[in-house]
N, C-alpha and C. Protein backbone atom coordinates (compact mmCIF):
# COMPACT_ATOMS: atom_id res chain seq x y z
N MET A 1 0.82 -1.16 0.01
CA MET A 1 0.01 -0.02 0.00
C MET A 1 0.90 1.24 0.01
N ARG A 2 0.54 2.17 -0.82
CA ARG A 2 1.23 3.50 -0.83
C ARG A 2 0.41 4.52 -0.12
N LYS A 3 1.12 5.40 0.55
CA LYS A 3 0.43 6.45 1.21
C LYS A 3 1.16 7.74 0.85
N GLU A 4 0.33 8.76 0.46
CA GLU A 4 0.88 10.01 0.01
C GLU A 4 0.18 11.25 0.77
N PHE A 5 0.85 12.27 0.86
CA PHE A 5 0.30 13.60 1.34
C PHE A 5 0.43 14.62 0.24
N GLU A 6 -0.58 15.35 -0.10
CA GLU A 6 -0.47 16.42 -0.99
C GLU A 6 -0.17 17.71 -0.18
N ILE A 7 0.88 18.44 -0.48
CA ILE A 7 1.25 19.65 0.16
C ILE A 7 0.76 20.87 -0.62
N GLN A 8 0.09 21.74 0.02
CA GLN A 8 -0.32 23.02 -0.59
C GLN A 8 -0.09 24.12 0.41
N GLY A 9 0.94 24.88 0.17
CA GLY A 9 1.32 25.89 1.09
C GLY A 9 2.63 26.59 0.66
N CYS A 10 3.14 27.44 1.53
CA CYS A 10 4.36 28.10 1.30
C CYS A 10 5.30 28.02 2.48
N ILE A 11 6.58 27.95 2.29
CA ILE A 11 7.58 28.00 3.33
C ILE A 11 8.35 29.29 3.23
N GLU A 12 8.26 30.04 4.39
CA GLU A 12 9.02 31.29 4.36
C GLU A 12 10.41 31.05 4.82
N VAL A 13 11.36 31.71 4.06
CA VAL A 13 12.81 31.62 4.34
C VAL A 13 13.36 32.98 4.27
N PRO A 14 14.60 33.11 4.82
CA PRO A 14 15.31 34.40 4.80
C PRO A 14 15.57 34.86 3.34
N PRO A 15 15.57 36.12 3.08
CA PRO A 15 15.73 36.62 1.74
C PRO A 15 16.97 36.12 0.98
N GLU A 16 18.02 35.78 1.74
CA GLU A 16 19.31 35.44 1.11
C GLU A 16 19.27 33.94 0.57
N VAL A 17 18.25 33.22 1.00
CA VAL A 17 18.18 31.74 0.54
C VAL A 17 17.73 31.67 -0.83
N THR A 18 18.49 31.01 -1.71
CA THR A 18 18.14 30.93 -3.14
C THR A 18 17.18 29.83 -3.28
N GLU A 19 16.52 29.74 -4.51
CA GLU A 19 15.62 28.71 -4.82
C GLU A 19 16.32 27.32 -4.81
N ASP A 20 17.50 27.34 -5.43
CA ASP A 20 18.27 26.16 -5.48
C ASP A 20 18.74 25.60 -4.11
N GLU A 21 19.06 26.53 -3.25
CA GLU A 21 19.47 26.14 -1.91
C GLU A 21 18.27 25.60 -1.11
N PHE A 22 17.12 26.23 -1.26
CA PHE A 22 15.97 25.69 -0.62
C PHE A 22 15.60 24.32 -1.19
N TRP A 23 15.57 24.19 -2.46
CA TRP A 23 15.16 22.93 -3.10
C TRP A 23 16.05 21.82 -2.68
N ASN A 24 17.39 22.07 -2.68
CA ASN A 24 18.40 20.98 -2.30
C ASN A 24 18.20 20.61 -0.90
N THR A 25 17.93 21.58 0.01
CA THR A 25 17.71 21.26 1.49
C THR A 25 16.44 20.51 1.66
N PHE A 26 15.39 20.86 0.95
CA PHE A 26 14.03 20.19 1.06
C PHE A 26 14.13 18.82 0.58
N ILE A 27 14.66 18.64 -0.65
CA ILE A 27 14.78 17.32 -1.24
C ILE A 27 15.76 16.40 -0.38
N GLY A 28 16.81 17.03 0.09
CA GLY A 28 17.69 16.31 0.98
C GLY A 28 17.08 15.79 2.19
N PHE A 29 16.14 16.55 2.78
CA PHE A 29 15.41 16.06 3.91
C PHE A 29 14.51 14.91 3.54
N VAL A 30 13.76 15.09 2.43
CA VAL A 30 12.76 14.11 2.04
C VAL A 30 13.51 12.79 1.79
N GLU A 31 14.60 12.85 0.97
CA GLU A 31 15.39 11.66 0.64
C GLU A 31 16.04 11.01 1.82
N SER A 32 16.47 11.90 2.87
CA SER A 32 17.12 11.32 4.04
C SER A 32 16.15 10.39 4.81
N LYS A 33 14.90 10.55 4.58
CA LYS A 33 13.85 9.73 5.27
C LYS A 33 13.45 8.49 4.43
N GLY A 34 14.05 8.39 3.24
CA GLY A 34 13.71 7.33 2.31
C GLY A 34 12.44 7.60 1.62
N TRP A 35 11.95 8.85 1.55
CA TRP A 35 10.73 9.22 0.95
C TRP A 35 11.02 9.77 -0.50
N SER A 36 10.00 10.03 -1.20
CA SER A 36 10.21 10.66 -2.55
C SER A 36 9.24 11.83 -2.63
N PHE A 37 9.48 12.72 -3.56
CA PHE A 37 8.65 13.88 -3.81
C PHE A 37 8.42 14.02 -5.27
N GLY A 38 7.17 14.24 -5.66
CA GLY A 38 6.80 14.49 -7.10
C GLY A 38 6.14 15.79 -7.09
N GLY A 39 6.62 16.77 -7.78
CA GLY A 39 6.04 18.05 -7.92
C GLY A 39 7.04 19.09 -8.31
N GLY A 40 6.69 20.34 -8.10
CA GLY A 40 7.57 21.45 -8.53
C GLY A 40 7.63 22.50 -7.48
N ILE A 41 8.29 23.55 -7.88
CA ILE A 41 8.57 24.66 -6.97
C ILE A 41 8.32 25.96 -7.67
N ARG A 42 7.83 26.91 -7.08
CA ARG A 42 7.65 28.30 -7.65
C ARG A 42 8.10 29.28 -6.57
N GLU A 43 9.01 30.14 -7.01
CA GLU A 43 9.49 31.21 -6.04
C GLU A 43 8.45 32.34 -6.00
N ILE A 44 8.20 32.87 -4.79
CA ILE A 44 7.33 33.90 -4.52
C ILE A 44 8.03 35.06 -3.68
N GLN A 45 7.94 36.27 -4.14
CA GLN A 45 8.50 37.39 -3.39
C GLN A 45 7.41 38.44 -3.24
N ASP A 46 7.19 38.89 -2.05
CA ASP A 46 6.18 39.97 -1.76
C ASP A 46 4.88 39.68 -2.41
N GLY A 47 4.44 38.41 -2.43
CA GLY A 47 3.18 38.09 -2.95
C GLY A 47 3.06 37.85 -4.50
N TYR A 48 4.20 37.91 -5.15
CA TYR A 48 4.19 37.74 -6.62
C TYR A 48 5.08 36.47 -6.96
N TYR A 49 4.66 35.77 -8.00
CA TYR A 49 5.47 34.68 -8.57
C TYR A 49 6.65 35.38 -9.26
N ILE A 50 7.88 34.75 -9.08
CA ILE A 50 8.97 35.21 -9.81
C ILE A 50 9.23 34.35 -11.05
N LEU A 51 9.37 34.98 -12.15
CA LEU A 51 9.50 34.32 -13.45
C LEU A 51 10.95 33.84 -13.62
N ALA A 52 11.19 32.95 -14.57
CA ALA A 52 12.61 32.40 -14.79
C ALA A 52 13.61 33.45 -15.03
N ASP A 53 13.19 34.54 -15.64
CA ASP A 53 14.09 35.65 -15.96
C ASP A 53 14.38 36.55 -14.79
N GLY A 54 13.70 36.23 -13.59
CA GLY A 54 13.84 37.07 -12.39
C GLY A 54 12.85 38.21 -12.25
N SER A 55 12.03 38.37 -13.29
CA SER A 55 11.08 39.44 -13.20
C SER A 55 9.84 39.00 -12.41
N ARG A 56 9.00 39.91 -12.07
CA ARG A 56 7.80 39.71 -11.25
C ARG A 56 6.64 39.22 -12.21
N GLY A 57 6.03 38.13 -11.86
CA GLY A 57 4.88 37.61 -12.59
C GLY A 57 3.60 37.98 -11.91
N ARG A 58 2.67 37.19 -12.03
CA ARG A 58 1.29 37.35 -11.45
C ARG A 58 1.29 37.34 -9.93
N ARG A 59 0.32 38.04 -9.38
CA ARG A 59 0.12 37.90 -7.80
C ARG A 59 -0.32 36.54 -7.52
N VAL A 60 0.07 35.99 -6.33
CA VAL A 60 -0.23 34.74 -5.89
C VAL A 60 -1.78 34.65 -5.72
N LEU A 61 -2.31 35.70 -5.15
CA LEU A 61 -3.80 35.68 -4.86
C LEU A 61 -4.65 35.74 -6.08
N ASP A 62 -4.10 36.00 -7.27
CA ASP A 62 -4.87 36.14 -8.51
C ASP A 62 -5.26 34.73 -9.05
N GLU A 63 -4.61 33.73 -8.54
CA GLU A 63 -4.87 32.34 -9.10
C GLU A 63 -6.11 31.74 -8.38
């Protein structure tokens, strides 16, 4: 039997933490438990999604 949890939320980190640093730490924790994660990540700053080019995208609350 497989058991899964769907995660919907945000994790607040200090401004100097990069997306890669967060992702590597998060995945490292998950894998250290022998678990796996399927999904993605989206950076948010001041309530806006940050696009791949570093510019501000849509507001989070507009979705």
